Amino acid sequence: GLALSSGYYTSEGALVMRRKAIVIRYVTSWMALDVALLVPEWVMLFSSTEDGTQNVVGALRSFRFLRLLRLVRLVKAEKLWKQMMERTNSNYLLLGVGVAKLISCLAVVIHILACMWHGLGASQADGWVSIHSDLADGTLFLYLCSAHWSLTQFHGSTDINPTNAMERSFAVFVVMLSIIGFSSFLSSITNMMMQISSLRQEQTQRMQMLLEYLDDHNISLLLSVRVKRF
């Protein structure tokens, strides 16, 4: 597969493309996890319909939660992303990627909270979903309502409120989480925007110094244009 055909960088920054070294690295790292994830799927896919086999398949289905282990691969993705960023020399690109990463993380958190909020409301007869069922216009509308509620726990207000003790408890937990999480988010965003502003200010100062130098030394117009383009 792809894992056996992709080179890797060592801690010293050297690129390794030898197939034997790649195979050894894969066998000693991700192979056990891949096998644990794929074997139950293969058994359920290729099994017959006999009763004995059905029992085995039923038992293996109870281990579908192992799919969550695929999230462990995010550690590998984070490592690859870090290596790529180490090879980037543009401050604007690094800061822009940092801002996009924070916004993406916030969107993921809002999505997860929205799904949990909708699931909680739909699982109870007196939940918020039943209260607002007359306004519901399909699953998309309910998801947008849930996402709106999740977003307003960080900032803003909404007309969707908890209708029972379970929903109220969840809302209190989310608010406590948002106090810490949103404060950290704003702090990080503000810091990055200040760094971008500082870079722009430094670039403006350098351009002003260049213009003053060109003017003081009576540099020709053609050469001045070439210098500024460079």
Protein backbone atom coordinates (compact mmCIF):
# COMPACT_ATOMS: atom_id res chain seq x y z
CA GLY A 1 0.00 0.00 0.00
CA LEU A 2 0.87 3.65 0.21
CA ALA A 3 2.51 3.23 3.60
CA LEU A 4 5.03 0.81 2.08
CA SER A 5 5.83 3.14 -0.82
CA SER A 6 6.27 6.45 1.01
CA GLY A 7 9.65 7.64 2.19
CA TYR A 8 10.19 9.39 5.48
CA TYR A 9 12.49 11.90 7.11
CA THR A 10 14.76 11.00 9.99
CA SER A 11 15.17 13.17 13.06
CA GLU A 12 18.29 14.62 11.42
CA GLY A 13 16.29 15.71 8.36
CA ALA A 14 17.61 13.01 5.98
CA LEU A 15 15.17 11.53 3.45
CA VAL A 16 14.96 7.72 3.50
CA MET A 17 13.67 6.04 0.31
CA ARG A 18 15.08 2.51 0.72
CA ARG A 19 12.21 0.00 0.56
CA LYS A 20 13.68 -2.26 3.27
CA ALA A 21 13.99 0.62 5.75
CA ILE A 22 10.45 1.78 4.93
CA VAL A 23 9.00 -1.70 5.48
CA ILE A 24 10.84 -2.15 8.79
CA ARG A 25 9.60 1.24 10.00
CA TYR A 26 6.00 0.41 9.07
CA VAL A 27 6.09 -3.06 10.65
CA THR A 28 7.40 -1.64 13.92
CA SER A 29 4.94 1.26 14.04
CA TRP A 30 1.53 1.25 12.33
CA MET A 31 1.13 -2.34 11.15
CA ALA A 32 -0.36 -3.66 14.42
CA LEU A 33 -3.01 -0.93 14.44
CA ASP A 34 -3.92 -1.51 10.79
CA VAL A 35 -4.28 -5.25 11.35
CA ALA A 36 -6.49 -4.70 14.41
CA LEU A 37 -8.75 -2.46 12.35
CA LEU A 38 -8.93 -4.51 9.16
CA VAL A 39 -9.24 -8.13 10.38
CA PRO A 40 -12.77 -7.74 11.87
CA GLU A 41 -13.91 -5.97 8.69
CA TRP A 42 -12.48 -8.69 6.45
CA VAL A 43 -14.12 -11.47 8.49
CA MET A 44 -17.55 -9.80 8.31
CA LEU A 45 -17.13 -9.09 4.61
CA PHE A 46 -16.08 -12.57 3.44
CA SER A 47 -17.93 -14.75 5.96
CA SER A 48 -20.72 -17.13 4.93
CA THR A 49 -24.26 -17.17 6.29
CA GLU A 50 -23.93 -20.27 8.43
CA ASP A 51 -25.11 -20.05 12.04
CA GLY A 52 -21.68 -20.68 13.54
CA THR A 53 -20.11 -18.04 11.41
CA GLN A 54 -22.95 -15.66 12.22
CA ASN A 55 -22.05 -15.92 15.90
CA VAL A 56 -18.46 -15.02 15.13
CA VAL A 57 -19.58 -12.13 12.95
CA GLY A 58 -21.93 -10.92 15.67
CA ALA A 59 -19.10 -10.97 18.17
CA LEU A 60 -16.80 -9.09 15.81
CA ARG A 61 -19.44 -6.43 15.21
CA SER A 62 -19.28 -5.57 18.88
CA PHE A 63 -15.70 -4.48 18.27
CA ARG A 64 -16.60 -1.85 15.71
CA PHE A 65 -15.63 0.76 18.24
CA LEU A 66 -12.07 -0.09 17.20
CA ARG A 67 -12.70 2.17 14.23
CA LEU A 68 -12.17 5.03 16.63
CA LEU A 69 -8.55 3.96 16.78
CA ARG A 70 -8.19 5.40 13.29
CA LEU A 71 -8.08 8.77 14.99
CA VAL A 72 -4.67 7.74 16.29
CA ARG A 73 -3.44 8.33 12.74
CA LEU A 74 -3.96 12.02 13.38
CA VAL A 75 -0.76 11.83 15.40
CA LYS A 76 1.06 10.79 12.25
CA ALA A 77 -0.61 13.55 10.25
CA GLU A 78 0.41 16.09 12.89
CA LYS A 79 4.02 14.91 12.67
CA LEU A 80 4.02 15.18 8.87
CA TRP A 81 2.43 18.62 9.07
CA LYS A 82 5.09 19.77 11.53
CA GLN A 83 7.85 18.55 9.23
CA MET A 84 6.30 20.43 6.32
CA MET A 85 6.04 23.63 8.33
CA GLU A 86 9.70 23.31 9.34
CA ARG A 87 10.57 23.57 5.65
CA THR A 88 8.54 26.75 5.19
CA ASN A 89 10.35 30.08 5.50
CA SER A 90 7.42 32.45 4.98
CA ASN A 91 6.20 34.07 8.20
CA TYR A 92 2.95 35.11 6.51
CA LEU A 93 2.26 31.53 5.43
CA LEU A 94 3.01 30.12 8.88
CA LEU A 95 0.77 32.66 10.61
CA GLY A 96 -1.98 32.20 8.02
CA VAL A 97 -1.88 28.44 8.50
CA GLY A 98 -2.00 28.96 12.27
CA VAL A 99 -5.12 31.12 11.99
CA ALA A 100 -6.78 28.62 9.63
CA LYS A 101 -5.92 25.79 12.02
CA LEU A 102 -7.54 27.58 14.98
CA ILE A 103 -10.67 28.35 12.98
CA SER A 104 -10.88 24.74 11.79
CA CYS A 105 -10.56 23.47 15.37
CA LEU A 106 -13.35 25.82 16.47
CA ALA A 107 -15.56 24.58 13.62
CA VAL A 108 -14.95 20.95 14.61
CA VAL A 109 -15.80 21.68 18.26
CA ILE A 110 -19.00 23.47 17.22
CA HIS A 111 -19.95 20.54 14.97
CA ILE A 112 -19.40 17.98 17.75
CA LEU A 113 -21.37 20.03 20.26
CA ALA A 114 -24.15 20.52 17.70
CA CYS A 115 -24.44 16.77 17.12
CA MET A 116 -24.49 16.09 20.86
CA TRP A 117 -27.08 18.82 21.46
CA HIS A 118 -29.35 17.49 18.71
CA GLY A 119 -28.95 13.91 19.89
CA LEU A 120 -29.79 14.91 23.45
CA GLY A 121 -32.90 16.82 22.36
CA ALA A 122 -34.12 14.08 20.02
CA SER A 123 -33.68 11.30 22.59
CA GLN A 124 -36.25 12.76 25.01
CA ALA A 125 -39.96 13.34 24.57
CA ASP A 126 -39.76 16.79 26.16
CA GLY A 127 -36.51 17.79 24.49
CA TRP A 128 -35.94 20.98 22.56
CA VAL A 129 -36.41 19.12 19.25
CA SER A 130 -40.03 18.29 20.09
CA ILE A 131 -40.66 21.85 21.33
CA HIS A 132 -39.44 23.31 18.03
CA SER A 133 -40.78 20.53 15.82
CA ASP A 134 -43.36 22.90 14.31
CA LEU A 135 -40.53 25.04 12.95
CA ALA A 136 -38.39 22.13 11.75
CA ASP A 137 -37.84 21.96 8.01
CA GLY A 138 -35.85 18.77 7.68
CA THR A 139 -32.61 17.48 9.13
CA LEU A 140 -30.55 20.35 7.75
CA PHE A 141 -32.65 22.90 9.61
CA LEU A 142 -32.28 21.01 12.89
CA TYR A 143 -28.52 20.74 12.38
CA LEU A 144 -28.24 24.46 11.70
CA CYS A 145 -30.27 25.17 14.83
CA SER A 146 -27.94 22.93 16.82
CA ALA A 147 -24.87 24.57 15.31
CA HIS A 148 -26.33 28.00 16.05
CA TRP A 149 -26.93 27.00 19.67
CA SER A 150 -23.39 25.64 19.98
CA LEU A 151 -21.90 28.83 18.55
CA THR A 152 -23.92 31.06 20.85
CA GLN A 153 -22.54 29.26 23.90
CA PHE A 154 -19.25 30.93 23.02
CA HIS A 155 -20.75 34.28 22.06
CA GLY A 156 -24.24 35.60 21.25
CA SER A 157 -27.77 34.47 22.00
CA THR A 158 -30.38 32.09 20.59
CA ASP A 159 -34.09 31.36 20.98
CA ILE A 160 -33.39 27.65 21.59
CA ASN A 161 -33.14 26.93 25.31
CA PRO A 162 -32.90 23.78 27.46
CA THR A 163 -36.28 22.28 28.32
CA ASN A 164 -35.34 19.67 30.94
CA ALA A 165 -32.73 18.90 33.57
CA MET A 166 -30.57 16.81 31.23
CA GLU A 167 -30.33 19.55 28.62
CA ARG A 168 -29.74 22.18 31.30
CA SER A 169 -26.87 20.16 32.74
CA PHE A 170 -25.31 19.79 29.30
CA ALA A 171 -25.72 23.52 28.67
CA VAL A 172 -23.97 24.36 31.93
CA PHE A 173 -21.09 22.04 31.01
CA VAL A 174 -20.73 23.64 27.56
CA VAL A 175 -20.75 27.15 29.03
CA MET A 176 -18.00 26.22 31.48
CA LEU A 177 -16.04 24.71 28.61
CA SER A 178 -16.56 27.79 26.45
CA ILE A 179 -15.26 30.15 29.16
CA ILE A 180 -11.88 28.45 29.00
CA GLY A 181 -11.82 27.44 25.35
CA PHE A 182 -13.04 30.69 23.82
CA SER A 183 -10.71 32.77 25.96
CA SER A 184 -7.78 30.69 24.74
CA PHE A 185 -9.04 30.94 21.15
CA LEU A 186 -9.33 34.74 21.28
CA SER A 187 -5.91 35.04 22.89
CA SER A 188 -4.28 32.92 20.18
CA ILE A 189 -6.06 34.72 17.33
CA THR A 190 -5.18 38.13 18.76
CA ASN A 191 -1.55 37.14 19.16
CA MET A 192 -1.31 35.91 15.57
CA MET A 193 -3.02 38.99 14.16
CA MET A 194 -0.62 41.20 16.10
CA GLN A 195 2.30 39.27 14.63
CA ILE A 196 0.90 39.76 11.12
CA SER A 197 0.45 43.47 11.82
CA SER A 198 4.02 43.65 13.11
CA LEU A 199 5.32 42.02 9.92
CA ARG A 200 3.39 44.47 7.77
CA GLN A 201 4.68 47.39 9.81
CA GLU A 202 8.24 46.15 9.45
CA GLN A 203 7.77 45.74 5.70
CA THR A 204 6.36 49.27 5.44
CA GLN A 205 9.31 50.70 7.36
CA ARG A 206 11.76 48.94 5.07
CA MET A 207 9.97 50.30 2.01
CA GLN A 208 10.09 53.82 3.45
CA MET A 209 13.82 53.48 4.08
CA LEU A 210 14.30 52.26 0.52
CA LEU A 211 12.36 55.19 -0.92
CA GLU A 212 14.35 57.66 1.15
CA TYR A 213 17.61 56.09 -0.04
CA LEU A 214 16.53 56.21 -3.68
CA ASP A 215 15.46 59.82 -3.34
CA ASP A 216 18.55 61.00 -1.41
CA HIS A 217 20.94 59.44 -3.91
CA ASN A 218 19.03 60.57 -7.02
CA ILE A 219 18.63 57.04 -8.37
CA SER A 220 17.20 56.97 -11.87
CA LEU A 221 13.54 56.15 -12.36
CA LEU A 222 14.24 52.99 -14.35
CA LEU A 223 16.63 51.60 -11.75
CA SER A 224 14.26 52.60 -8.91
CA VAL A 225 11.45 50.62 -10.52
CA ARG A 226 13.68 47.58 -10.93
CA VAL A 227 14.82 47.77 -7.31
CA LYS A 228 11.29 48.08 -5.96
CA ARG A 229 10.07 45.18 -8.11
CA PHE A 230 12.93 43.05 -6.86
